[in-house]
C-alpha atoms as a PDB file:
ATOM      1  CA  MET A   1      13.039  -6.707 -20.137  1.00  0.00           C
ATOM      2  CA  SER A   2       9.237  -6.434 -20.178  1.00  0.00           C
ATOM      3  CA  ARG A   3       7.738  -4.370 -17.386  1.00  0.00           C
ATOM      4  CA  LEU A   4       5.388  -5.928 -14.848  1.00  0.00           C
ATOM      5  CA  PRO A   5       1.813  -4.611 -15.229  1.00  0.00           C
ATOM      6  CA  ILE A   6       0.395  -3.510 -11.870  1.00  0.00           C
ATOM      7  CA  ILE A   7      -2.637  -1.804 -10.367  1.00  0.00           C
ATOM      8  CA  LEU A   8      -1.970   0.204  -7.205  1.00  0.00           C
ATOM      9  CA  ASP A   9      -4.738   0.568  -4.607  1.00  0.00           C
ATOM     10  CA  THR A  10      -3.750   3.276  -2.143  1.00  0.00           C
ATOM     11  CA  ASP A  11      -4.879   5.749   0.536  1.00  0.00           C
ATOM     12  CA  PRO A  12      -2.370   8.646   0.366  1.00  0.00           C
ATOM     13  CA  GLY A  13      -1.066   9.234   3.085  1.00  0.00           C
ATOM     14  CA  ILE A  14       2.542  10.324   3.329  1.00  0.00           C
ATOM     15  CA  ASP A  15       4.245   6.944   3.084  1.00  0.00           C
ATOM     16  CA  ASP A  16       1.875   6.119   0.193  1.00  0.00           C
ATOM     17  CA  ALA A  17       3.438   9.056  -1.662  1.00  0.00           C
ATOM     18  CA  VAL A  18       6.839   7.378  -1.506  1.00  0.00           C
ATOM     19  CA  ALA A  19       5.388   4.067  -2.682  1.00  0.00           C
ATOM     20  CA  LEU A  20       3.627   5.825  -5.561  1.00  0.00           C
ATOM     21  CA  ALA A  21       6.897   7.468  -6.608  1.00  0.00           C
ATOM     22  CA  ALA A  22       8.596   4.066  -6.673  1.00  0.00           C
ATOM     23  CA  ALA A  23       5.720   2.528  -8.635  1.00  0.00           C
ATOM     24  CA  LEU A  24       5.797   5.337 -11.199  1.00  0.00           C
ATOM     25  CA  PHE A  25       9.531   5.560 -11.745  1.00  0.00           C
ATOM     26  CA  SER A  26      10.827   2.011 -11.290  1.00  0.00           C
ATOM     27  CA  PRO A  27      11.850   0.812 -14.764  1.00  0.00           C
ATOM     28  CA  ALA A  28      10.592  -2.688 -13.902  1.00  0.00           C
ATOM     29  CA  LEU A  29       6.961  -1.659 -13.362  1.00  0.00           C
ATOM     30  CA  ASP A  30       4.109  -0.661 -15.665  1.00  0.00           C
ATOM     31  CA  LEU A  31       1.583   1.170 -13.481  1.00  0.00           C
ATOM     32  CA  GLN A  32      -1.693   0.836 -15.395  1.00  0.00           C
ATOM     33  CA  LEU A  33      -4.223   2.123 -12.862  1.00  0.00           C
ATOM     34  CA  ILE A  34      -4.342   3.853  -9.478  1.00  0.00           C
ATOM     35  CA  THR A  35      -7.366   3.399  -7.236  1.00  0.00           C
ATOM     36  CA  THR A  36      -8.020   5.196  -3.980  1.00  0.00           C
ATOM     37  CA  VAL A  37      -9.719   4.067  -0.794  1.00  0.00           C
ATOM     38  CA  ALA A  38     -10.649   5.579   2.548  1.00  0.00           C
ATOM     39  CA  GLY A  39      -8.004   4.806   5.140  1.00  0.00           C
ATOM     40  CA  ASN A  40      -5.382   7.254   6.268  1.00  0.00           C
ATOM     41  CA  VAL A  41      -7.975   9.971   5.567  1.00  0.00           C
ATOM     42  CA  SER A  42     -11.331  10.104   3.772  1.00  0.00           C
ATOM     43  CA  VAL A  43     -11.577   8.861   0.191  1.00  0.00           C
ATOM     44  CA  GLU A  44     -12.215  12.412  -1.011  1.00  0.00           C
ATOM     45  CA  LYS A  45      -8.874  13.417   0.490  1.00  0.00           C
ATOM     46  CA  THR A  46      -6.956  10.312  -0.625  1.00  0.00           C
ATOM     47  CA  THR A  47      -8.258  10.863  -4.167  1.00  0.00           C
ATOM     48  CA  ARG A  48      -7.313  14.544  -4.085  1.00  0.00           C
ATOM     49  CA  ASN A  49      -3.853  13.630  -2.784  1.00  0.00           C
ATOM     50  CA  ALA A  50      -3.272  11.012  -5.486  1.00  0.00           C
ATOM     51  CA  LEU A  51      -4.305  13.500  -8.169  1.00  0.00           C
ATOM     52  CA  GLN A  52      -1.994  16.116  -6.655  1.00  0.00           C
ATOM     53  CA  LEU A  53       0.913  13.674  -6.826  1.00  0.00           C
ATOM     54  CA  LEU A  54       0.176  12.739 -10.435  1.00  0.00           C
ATOM     55  CA  HIS A  55       0.069  16.425 -11.335  1.00  0.00           C
ATOM     56  CA  PHE A  56       3.297  17.078  -9.435  1.00  0.00           C
ATOM     57  CA  TRP A  57       5.026  14.400 -11.518  1.00  0.00           C
ATOM     58  CA  GLN A  58       3.100  15.264 -14.704  1.00  0.00           C
ATOM     59  CA  ARG A  59       1.999  11.682 -15.181  1.00  0.00           C
ATOM     60  CA  ASP A  60      -1.288  10.604 -16.749  1.00  0.00           C
ATOM     61  CA  VAL A  61      -1.942   7.210 -15.175  1.00  0.00           C
ATOM     62  CA  PRO A  62      -5.710   6.533 -14.991  1.00  0.00           C
ATOM     63  CA  LEU A  63      -7.176   6.982 -11.510  1.00  0.00           C
ATOM     64  CA  ALA A  64     -10.496   5.916  -9.980  1.00  0.00           C
ATOM     65  CA  LYS A  65     -12.027   6.814  -6.625  1.00  0.00           C
ATOM     66  CA  GLY A  66     -12.946   3.877  -4.432  1.00  0.00           C
ATOM     67  CA  ALA A  67     -14.843   3.012  -1.293  1.00  0.00           C
ATOM     68  CA  ALA A  68     -15.671   5.803   1.149  1.00  0.00           C
ATOM     69  CA  THR A  69     -16.276   3.453   4.087  1.00  0.00           C
ATOM     70  CA  PRO A  70     -15.321  -0.072   5.119  1.00  0.00           C
ATOM     71  CA  LEU A  71     -17.733  -2.853   4.157  1.00  0.00           C
ATOM     72  CA  VAL A  72     -19.702  -2.877   7.415  1.00  0.00           C
ATOM     73  CA  ARG A  73     -17.935  -0.567   9.872  1.00  0.00           C
ATOM     74  CA  PRO A  74     -17.603   3.198  10.319  1.00  0.00           C
ATOM     75  CA  LEU A  75     -14.331   4.648   9.064  1.00  0.00           C
ATOM     76  CA  ARG A  76     -11.518   5.260  11.507  1.00  0.00           C
ATOM     77  CA  ASP A  77      -8.634   7.176   9.935  1.00  0.00           C
ATOM     78  CA  ALA A  78      -5.031   8.131  10.710  1.00  0.00           C
ATOM     79  CA  ALA A  79      -5.199  11.899  10.333  1.00  0.00           C
ATOM     80  CA  CYS A  80      -3.354  12.128  13.653  1.00  0.00           C
ATOM     81  CA  VAL A  81      -0.322  10.646  11.863  1.00  0.00           C
ATOM     82  CA  HIS A  82      -0.640  12.021   8.318  1.00  0.00           C
ATOM     83  CA  GLY A  83      -2.241  15.375   9.106  1.00  0.00           C
ATOM     84  CA  GLU A  84      -5.795  16.508   8.464  1.00  0.00           C
ATOM     85  CA  SER A  85      -5.311  16.567   4.682  1.00  0.00           C
ATOM     86  CA  GLY A  86      -3.340  13.309   4.620  1.00  0.00           C
ATOM     87  CA  MET A  87      -0.297  15.028   3.112  1.00  0.00           C
ATOM     88  CA  GLU A  88       0.532  17.988   5.319  1.00  0.00           C
ATOM     89  CA  GLY A  89       3.724  19.935   4.796  1.00  0.00           C
ATOM     90  CA  TYR A  90       3.948  20.642   1.059  1.00  0.00           C
ATOM     91  CA  ASN A  91       2.014  23.218  -0.955  1.00  0.00           C
ATOM     92  CA  PHE A  92       0.994  21.451  -4.149  1.00  0.00           C
ATOM     93  CA  VAL A  93       0.045  23.679  -7.074  1.00  0.00           C
ATOM     94  CA  ALA A  94      -3.575  23.910  -8.195  1.00  0.00           C
ATOM     95  CA  HIS A  95      -4.761  21.696 -11.057  1.00  0.00           C
ATOM     96  CA  ASP A  96      -8.004  20.680 -12.752  1.00  0.00           C
ATOM     97  CA  ARG A  97      -7.573  16.904 -12.716  1.00  0.00           C
ATOM     98  CA  LEU A  98     -10.608  14.870 -11.727  1.00  0.00           C
ATOM     99  CA  ALA A  99     -11.317  11.191 -11.137  1.00  0.00           C
ATOM    100  CA  PRO A 100     -13.806   9.680 -13.621  1.00  0.00           C
ATOM    101  CA  ASP A 101     -17.267   8.760 -12.399  1.00  0.00           C
ATOM    102  CA  ILE A 102     -16.635   5.021 -12.083  1.00  0.00           C
ATOM    103  CA  PRO A 103     -16.149   3.081  -8.838  1.00  0.00           C
ATOM    104  CA  ALA A 104     -12.650   1.766  -8.261  1.00  0.00           C
ATOM    105  CA  PHE A 105     -13.678  -1.896  -8.241  1.00  0.00           C
ATOM    106  CA  GLN A 106     -15.243  -1.491 -11.689  1.00  0.00           C
ATOM    107  CA  ALA A 107     -12.190   0.348 -12.991  1.00  0.00           C
ATOM    108  CA  ILE A 108      -9.973  -2.473 -11.725  1.00  0.00           C
ATOM    109  CA  TYR A 109     -12.147  -5.052 -13.461  1.00  0.00           C
ATOM    110  CA  HIS A 110     -12.088  -3.173 -16.756  1.00  0.00           C
ATOM    111  CA  CYS A 111      -8.305  -2.845 -16.500  1.00  0.00           C
ATOM    112  CA  LEU A 112      -7.981  -6.583 -15.883  1.00  0.00           C
ATOM    113  CA  LEU A 113     -10.186  -7.349 -18.905  1.00  0.00           C
ATOM    114  CA  ALA A 114      -8.177  -5.030 -21.134  1.00  0.00           C
ATOM    115  CA  SER A 115      -4.811  -6.555 -20.228  1.00  0.00           C
ATOM    116  CA  LYS A 116      -3.327  -9.248 -22.468  1.00  0.00           C
ATOM    117  CA  THR A 117      -1.614 -10.811 -19.462  1.00  0.00           C
ATOM    118  CA  PRO A 118      -2.607 -11.253 -15.795  1.00  0.00           C
ATOM    119  CA  VAL A 119      -2.057  -8.114 -13.727  1.00  0.00           C
ATOM    120  CA  THR A 120      -0.549  -7.846 -10.247  1.00  0.00           C
ATOM    121  CA  LEU A 121      -2.676  -6.036  -7.673  1.00  0.00           C
ATOM    122  CA  VAL A 122      -0.692  -3.994  -5.155  1.00  0.00           C
ATOM    123  CA  THR A 123      -2.566  -2.814  -2.072  1.00  0.00           C
ATOM    124  CA  ILE A 124      -1.131  -0.372   0.449  1.00  0.00           C
ATOM    125  CA  GLY A 125      -4.349   0.613   2.194  1.00  0.00           C
ATOM    126  CA  PRO A 126      -7.464  -1.110   3.524  1.00  0.00           C
ATOM    127  CA  LEU A 127      -8.701  -3.902   1.261  1.00  0.00           C
ATOM    128  CA  THR A 128     -12.257  -2.630   0.730  1.00  0.00           C
ATOM    129  CA  ASN A 129     -11.966  -2.082  -3.027  1.00  0.00           C
ATOM    130  CA  ILE A 130     -10.506  -5.536  -3.570  1.00  0.00           C
ATOM    131  CA  ALA A 131     -13.250  -7.202  -1.541  1.00  0.00           C
ATOM    132  CA  LEU A 132     -15.849  -5.369  -3.637  1.00  0.00           C
ATOM    133  CA  LEU A 133     -14.078  -6.469  -6.816  1.00  0.00           C
ATOM    134  CA  LEU A 134     -14.095 -10.119  -5.713  1.00  0.00           C
ATOM    135  CA  THR A 135     -17.743  -9.931  -4.676  1.00  0.00           C
ATOM    136  CA  HIS A 136     -19.059  -8.295  -7.841  1.00  0.00           C
ATOM    137  CA  TYR A 137     -16.701  -9.997 -10.321  1.00  0.00           C
ATOM    138  CA  PRO A 138     -15.604 -13.382  -8.918  1.00  0.00           C
ATOM    139  CA  ASP A 139     -14.401 -14.397 -12.383  1.00  0.00           C
ATOM    140  CA  CYS A 140     -11.632 -11.794 -12.142  1.00  0.00           C
ATOM    141  CA  VAL A 141      -9.412 -14.124 -10.099  1.00  0.00           C
ATOM    142  CA  THR A 142      -8.036 -15.797 -13.215  1.00  0.00           C
ATOM    143  CA  ARG A 143      -6.929 -12.392 -14.532  1.00  0.00           C
ATOM    144  CA  ILE A 144      -4.957 -11.491 -11.410  1.00  0.00           C
ATOM    145  CA  LYS A 145      -1.353 -12.692 -11.334  1.00  0.00           C
ATOM    146  CA  ARG A 146      -1.056 -12.175  -7.589  1.00  0.00           C
ATOM    147  CA  LEU A 147      -1.867  -9.693  -4.857  1.00  0.00           C
ATOM    148  CA  VAL A 148       1.037  -8.003  -3.080  1.00  0.00           C
ATOM    149  CA  MET A 149      -0.092  -6.202   0.041  1.00  0.00           C
ATOM    150  CA  MET A 150       1.232  -4.037   2.805  1.00  0.00           C
ATOM    151  CA  GLY A 151      -0.809  -5.123   5.780  1.00  0.00           C
ATOM    152  CA  GLY A 152      -1.094  -7.438   8.710  1.00  0.00           C
ATOM    153  CA  SER A 153       1.411  -8.814  11.156  1.00  0.00           C
ATOM    154  CA  ALA A 154       2.548 -12.166  12.461  1.00  0.00           C
ATOM    155  CA  GLY A 155       3.086 -10.498  15.835  1.00  0.00           C
ATOM    156  CA  ARG A 156       1.896  -7.275  17.393  1.00  0.00           C
ATOM    157  CA  GLY A 157      -0.136  -4.486  15.800  1.00  0.00           C
ATOM    158  CA  ASN A 158       0.334  -0.755  15.285  1.00  0.00           C
ATOM    159  CA  PHE A 159      -3.308   0.333  15.486  1.00  0.00           C
ATOM    160  CA  THR A 160      -4.483  -1.931  18.283  1.00  0.00           C
ATOM    161  CA  PRO A 161      -2.263  -4.230  20.350  1.00  0.00           C
ATOM    162  CA  ASN A 162      -2.849  -7.041  17.846  1.00  0.00           C
ATOM    163  CA  ALA A 163      -3.975  -5.398  14.597  1.00  0.00           C
ATOM    164  CA  GLU A 164      -2.108  -3.540  11.879  1.00  0.00           C
ATOM    165  CA  PHE A 165      -3.865  -0.409  10.576  1.00  0.00           C
ATOM    166  CA  ASN A 166      -4.786  -1.454   7.019  1.00  0.00           C
ATOM    167  CA  ILE A 167      -6.387  -4.690   8.185  1.00  0.00           C
ATOM    168  CA  ALA A 168      -7.981  -3.184  11.301  1.00  0.00           C
ATOM    169  CA  ILE A 169      -9.833  -0.521   9.320  1.00  0.00           C
ATOM    170  CA  ASP A 170     -11.754  -3.141   7.315  1.00  0.00           C
ATOM    171  CA  PRO A 171     -11.302  -6.655   8.745  1.00  0.00           C
ATOM    172  CA  GLU A 172     -14.255  -8.050   6.807  1.00  0.00           C
ATOM    173  CA  ALA A 173     -12.717  -6.965   3.513  1.00  0.00           C
ATOM    174  CA  ALA A 174      -9.371  -8.455   4.487  1.00  0.00           C
ATOM    175  CA  ALA A 175     -11.013 -11.745   5.458  1.00  0.00           C
ATOM    176  CA  ARG A 176     -12.690 -11.878   2.038  1.00  0.00           C
ATOM    177  CA  VAL A 177      -9.370 -11.353   0.291  1.00  0.00           C
ATOM    178  CA  PHE A 178      -7.506 -14.027   2.272  1.00  0.00           C
ATOM    179  CA  GLN A 179     -10.315 -16.467   1.507  1.00  0.00           C
ATOM    180  CA  SER A 180     -10.275 -15.695  -2.234  1.00  0.00           C
ATOM    181  CA  GLY A 181      -7.730 -18.217  -3.458  1.00  0.00           C
ATOM    182  CA  LEU A 182      -5.511 -15.469  -4.861  1.00  0.00           C
ATOM    183  CA  GLU A 183      -1.767 -15.843  -4.549  1.00  0.00           C
ATOM    184  CA  ILE A 184      -0.979 -13.353  -1.776  1.00  0.00           C
ATOM    185  CA  ILE A 185       2.340 -11.842  -0.746  1.00  0.00           C
ATOM    186  CA  MET A 186       1.880 -10.252   2.688  1.00  0.00           C
ATOM    187  CA  CYS A 187       4.384  -7.566   3.653  1.00  0.00           C
ATOM    188  CA  GLY A 188       3.327  -6.889   7.213  1.00  0.00           C
ATOM    189  CA  LEU A 189       4.798  -5.170  10.228  1.00  0.00           C
ATOM    190  CA  ASP A 190       7.310  -7.992  10.672  1.00  0.00           C
ATOM    191  CA  VAL A 191       9.329  -6.463   7.831  1.00  0.00           C
ATOM    192  CA  THR A 192       7.936  -2.950   7.471  1.00  0.00           C
ATOM    193  CA  ASN A 193       8.919  -1.997  11.010  1.00  0.00           C
ATOM    194  CA  LYS A 194      12.523  -2.805  10.006  1.00  0.00           C
ATOM    195  CA  ALA A 195      12.416  -0.949   6.673  1.00  0.00           C
ATOM    196  CA  MET A 196      13.927   2.257   8.000  1.00  0.00           C
ATOM    197  CA  LEU A 197      15.322   5.203   6.100  1.00  0.00           C
ATOM    198  CA  THR A 198      18.216   6.684   8.041  1.00  0.00           C
ATOM    199  CA  PRO A 199      18.260  10.245   9.423  1.00  0.00           C
ATOM    200  CA  GLU A 200      21.278  10.973   7.231  1.00  0.00           C
ATOM    201  CA  TYR A 201      19.456   9.936   4.036  1.00  0.00           C
ATOM    202  CA  LEU A 202      16.330  11.832   5.027  1.00  0.00           C
ATOM    203  CA  ALA A 203      18.336  14.981   5.721  1.00  0.00           C
ATOM    204  CA  ALA A 204      19.893  14.810   2.247  1.00  0.00           C
ATOM    205  CA  LEU A 205      16.578  14.387   0.390  1.00  0.00           C
ATOM    206  CA  PRO A 206      16.136  18.106  -0.451  1.00  0.00           C
ATOM    207  CA  THR A 207      19.336  18.008  -2.502  1.00  0.00           C
ATOM    208  CA  LEU A 208      18.311  14.891  -4.464  1.00  0.00           C
ATOM    209  CA  ASN A 209      15.670  16.339  -6.817  1.00  0.00           C
ATOM    210  CA  ARG A 210      12.303  18.106  -6.561  1.00  0.00           C
ATOM    211  CA  THR A 211      10.721  14.789  -5.518  1.00  0.00           C
ATOM    212  CA  GLY A 212      13.197  14.528  -2.676  1.00  0.00           C
ATOM    213  CA  ALA A 213      12.423  18.073  -1.590  1.00  0.00           C
ATOM    214  CA  MET A 214       8.682  17.362  -1.666  1.00  0.00           C
ATOM    215  CA  LEU A 215       9.038  14.136   0.308  1.00  0.00           C
ATOM    216  CA  HIS A 216      11.286  15.814   2.870  1.00  0.00           C
ATOM    217  CA  ALA A 217       8.622  18.484   3.408  1.00  0.00           C
ATOM    218  CA  LEU A 218       5.979  15.782   3.913  1.00  0.00           C
ATOM    219  CA  PHE A 219       8.243  13.762   6.213  1.00  0.00           C
ATOM    220  CA  SER A 220       8.831  16.852   8.327  1.00  0.00           C
ATOM    221  CA  HIS A 221       5.132  16.692   9.266  1.00  0.00           C
ATOM    222  CA  TYR A 222       4.923  12.882   9.462  1.00  0.00           C
ATOM    223  CA  ARG A 223       4.679  11.386  12.946  1.00  0.00           C
ATOM    224  CA  SER A 224       5.382  14.825  14.442  1.00  0.00           C
ATOM    225  CA  GLY A 225       8.463  15.326  12.276  1.00  0.00           C
ATOM    226  CA  SER A 226      10.592  12.580  13.815  1.00  0.00           C
ATOM    227  CA  LEU A 227      13.299  12.719  11.132  1.00  0.00           C
ATOM    228  CA  SER A 228      16.116  12.513  13.668  1.00  0.00           C
ATOM    229  CA  THR A 229      15.321   8.871  14.436  1.00  0.00           C
ATOM    230  CA  GLY A 230      14.638   7.721  10.872  1.00  0.00           C
ATOM    231  CA  LEU A 231      11.326   6.697   9.338  1.00  0.00           C
ATOM    232  CA  ARG A 232       9.712   3.337   8.667  1.00  0.00           C
ATOM    233  CA  MET A 233       8.661   2.880   5.048  1.00  0.00           C
ATOM    234  CA  HIS A 234       5.696   0.552   5.513  1.00  0.00           C
ATOM    235  CA  ASP A 235       3.942   0.897   2.152  1.00  0.00           C
ATOM    236  CA  LEU A 236       7.159   1.034   0.167  1.00  0.00           C
ATOM    237  CA  CYS A 237       7.878  -2.592   1.095  1.00  0.00           C
ATOM    238  CA  ALA A 238       5.121  -3.822  -1.228  1.00  0.00           C
ATOM    239  CA  ILE A 239       6.758  -2.043  -4.165  1.00  0.00           C
ATOM    240  CA  ALA A 240      10.193  -3.262  -3.092  1.00  0.00           C
ATOM    241  CA  TRP A 241       9.019  -6.870  -3.154  1.00  0.00           C
ATOM    242  CA  LEU A 242       7.812  -6.455  -6.742  1.00  0.00           C
ATOM    243  CA  VAL A 243      11.165  -5.174  -7.918  1.00  0.00           C
ATOM    244  CA  LYS A 244      13.584  -6.871  -5.500  1.00  0.00           C
ATOM    245  CA  PRO A 245      11.927  -9.974  -4.028  1.00  0.00           C
ATOM    246  CA  GLU A 246      15.334 -11.254  -3.001  1.00  0.00           C
ATOM    247  CA  LEU A 247      15.377  -8.607  -0.253  1.00  0.00           C
ATOM    248  CA  PHE A 248      12.714 -10.551   1.637  1.00  0.00           C
ATOM    249  CA  THR A 249      12.459 -13.873   3.426  1.00  0.00           C
ATOM    250  CA  LEU A 250       8.990 -15.382   2.976  1.00  0.00           C
ATOM    251  CA  LYS A 251       7.201 -18.282   4.622  1.00  0.00           C
ATOM    252  CA  PRO A 252       4.039 -19.959   3.305  1.00  0.00           C
ATOM    253  CA  CYS A 253       1.395 -19.743   6.038  1.00  0.00           C
ATOM    254  CA  PHE A 254      -2.300 -19.999   6.638  1.00  0.00           C
ATOM    255  CA  VAL A 255      -3.552 -16.515   7.515  1.00  0.00           C
ATOM    256  CA  ALA A 256      -6.973 -15.794   9.004  1.00  0.00           C
ATOM    257  CA  VAL A 257      -8.387 -12.380   9.854  1.00  0.00           C
ATOM    258  CA  GLU A 258     -10.177 -11.951  13.165  1.00  0.00           C
ATOM    259  CA  THR A 259     -13.472 -10.121  12.667  1.00  0.00           C
ATOM    260  CA  GLN A 260     -15.316 -10.887  15.916  1.00  0.00           C
ATOM    261  CA  GLY A 261     -12.923 -10.388  18.820  1.00  0.00           C
ATOM    262  CA  GLU A 262     -13.708  -7.604  21.247  1.00  0.00           C
ATOM    263  CA  TYR A 263     -10.010  -6.807  21.660  1.00  0.00           C
ATOM    264  CA  THR A 264      -8.507  -8.612  18.651  1.00  0.00           C
ATOM    265  CA  SER A 265     -10.662  -7.502  15.709  1.00  0.00           C
ATOM    266  CA  GLY A 266      -8.456  -6.897  12.676  1.00  0.00           C
ATOM    267  CA  ALA A 267      -5.641  -9.148  13.846  1.00  0.00           C
ATOM    268  CA  THR A 268      -4.063 -11.402  11.233  1.00  0.00           C
ATOM    269  CA  VAL A 269      -3.692 -14.871  12.724  1.00  0.00           C
ATOM    270  CA  VAL A 270      -0.539 -16.136  10.993  1.00  0.00           C
ATOM    271  CA  ASP A 271      -0.081 -19.864  11.594  1.00  0.00           C
ATOM    272  CA  LEU A 272       3.715 -19.995  11.463  1.00  0.00           C
ATOM    273  CA  GLU A 273       3.912 -23.495  12.981  1.00  0.00           C
ATOM    274  CA  GLY A 274       1.017 -25.070  11.076  1.00  0.00           C
ATOM    275  CA  ARG A 275      -0.950 -25.739  14.238  1.00  0.00           C
ATOM    276  CA  LEU A 276      -4.334 -25.129  12.588  1.00  0.00           C
ATOM    277  CA  ASN A 277      -3.729 -27.804   9.921  1.00  0.00           C
ATOM    278  CA  GLN A 278      -4.943 -25.480   7.181  1.00  0.00           C
ATOM    279  CA  PRO A 279      -3.271 -25.087   3.773  1.00  0.00           C
ATOM    280  CA  ALA A 280      -1.177 -21.958   3.309  1.00  0.00           C
ATOM    281  CA  ASN A 281      -3.058 -19.097   1.664  1.00  0.00           C
ATOM    282  CA  ALA A 282      -0.268 -16.493   1.744  1.00  0.00           C
ATOM    283  CA  GLN A 283       3.458 -16.038   1.523  1.00  0.00           C
ATOM    284  CA  VAL A 284       4.280 -13.992   4.616  1.00  0.00           C
ATOM    285  CA  ALA A 285       7.369 -11.774   4.649  1.00  0.00           C
ATOM    286  CA  LEU A 286       9.259 -12.194   7.912  1.00  0.00           C
ATOM    287  CA  GLU A 287      12.715 -10.724   7.257  1.00  0.00           C
ATOM    288  CA  ILE A 288      14.157  -7.950   5.085  1.00  0.00           C
ATOM    289  CA  ASP A 289      17.712  -7.049   4.050  1.00  0.00           C
ATOM    290  CA  VAL A 290      17.649  -3.504   5.411  1.00  0.00           C
ATOM    291  CA  PRO A 291      20.910  -2.143   3.884  1.00  0.00           C
ATOM    292  CA  ALA A 292      19.937  -3.486   0.461  1.00  0.00           C
ATOM    293  CA  PHE A 293      16.440  -2.032   0.868  1.00  0.00           C
ATOM    294  CA  GLN A 294      17.885   1.374   1.698  1.00  0.00           C
ATOM    295  CA  GLN A 295      20.160   1.182  -1.336  1.00  0.00           C
ATOM    296  CA  TRP A 296      17.204   0.302  -3.582  1.00  0.00           C
ATOM    297  CA  VAL A 297      15.172   3.229  -2.223  1.00  0.00           C
ATOM    298  CA  ALA A 298      18.000   5.664  -2.891  1.00  0.00           C
ATOM    299  CA  GLN A 299      18.482   4.377  -6.433  1.00  0.00           C
ATOM    300  CA  THR A 300      14.755   4.445  -7.205  1.00  0.00           C
ATOM    301  CA  LEU A 301      13.979   7.905  -5.848  1.00  0.00           C
ATOM    302  CA  ALA A 302      16.968   9.257  -7.773  1.00  0.00           C
ATOM    303  CA  LEU A 303      15.121   8.284 -10.970  1.00  0.00           C
ATOM    304  CA  ALA A 304      12.235  10.626 -10.167  1.00  0.00           C
ATOM    305  CA  PRO A 305      12.294  14.241 -11.420  1.00  0.00           C
END
């Protein structure tokens, strides 16, 4: 079976580390490029964290540093959740890896041009790099198979009452992406809030492999170390959809991103009932098979060193 070529745009971030492990070690995926963006912490820190993870796993996937700020807004991060460094809790060994001096959106474009087949974009952070790509290289759309994203919500938010974090950090970028004509798979809070890893599985991670031990150390500092209640794997859902789309129930919907509201900026307006009479521009994930998801996670992380 041929592997699916993907580009992963990420802002590590503790749950990003799990998603990156799945992207690297799933036999179904061919991770061709990693790009970083400011989100959970600054882009300098997300880039450092991604390089640390690649060194930890001794993988040589190309990496490019992306946008340091949202398109038009100041950066608001999630260091209160992920720790000041973005990946508190594990002492990674020193290395001399560096990101090349090329902006992420250019690196993505070059990767798309070099591929013999359309490439799937996977975004698990704010969409700033993708908006820049679409703005500078509008012709790239034909080279993108689809965009699979963790972000948004058909209901409530987790950063503001109505907005999910990745969209709320850069609503203007998200609006540009949803207006692009790309095929979009949106894995939002409707499914990611249900994608729990159990306390029992989390407790056993240190015995799995060195990856499990590293992730357990990170999880022990994630959301104040709430391992006893389980952890939601938000970003991992985007990777899960790539490999096991049958785990998810999708609905085609028109999705708009609110950029002006005083209290609702960053909200994804998901027209589940078709009341706006607009054509669908996304497939929105609304349900997930949680036991099957947990089984897939266990099988995938067991493939890591």
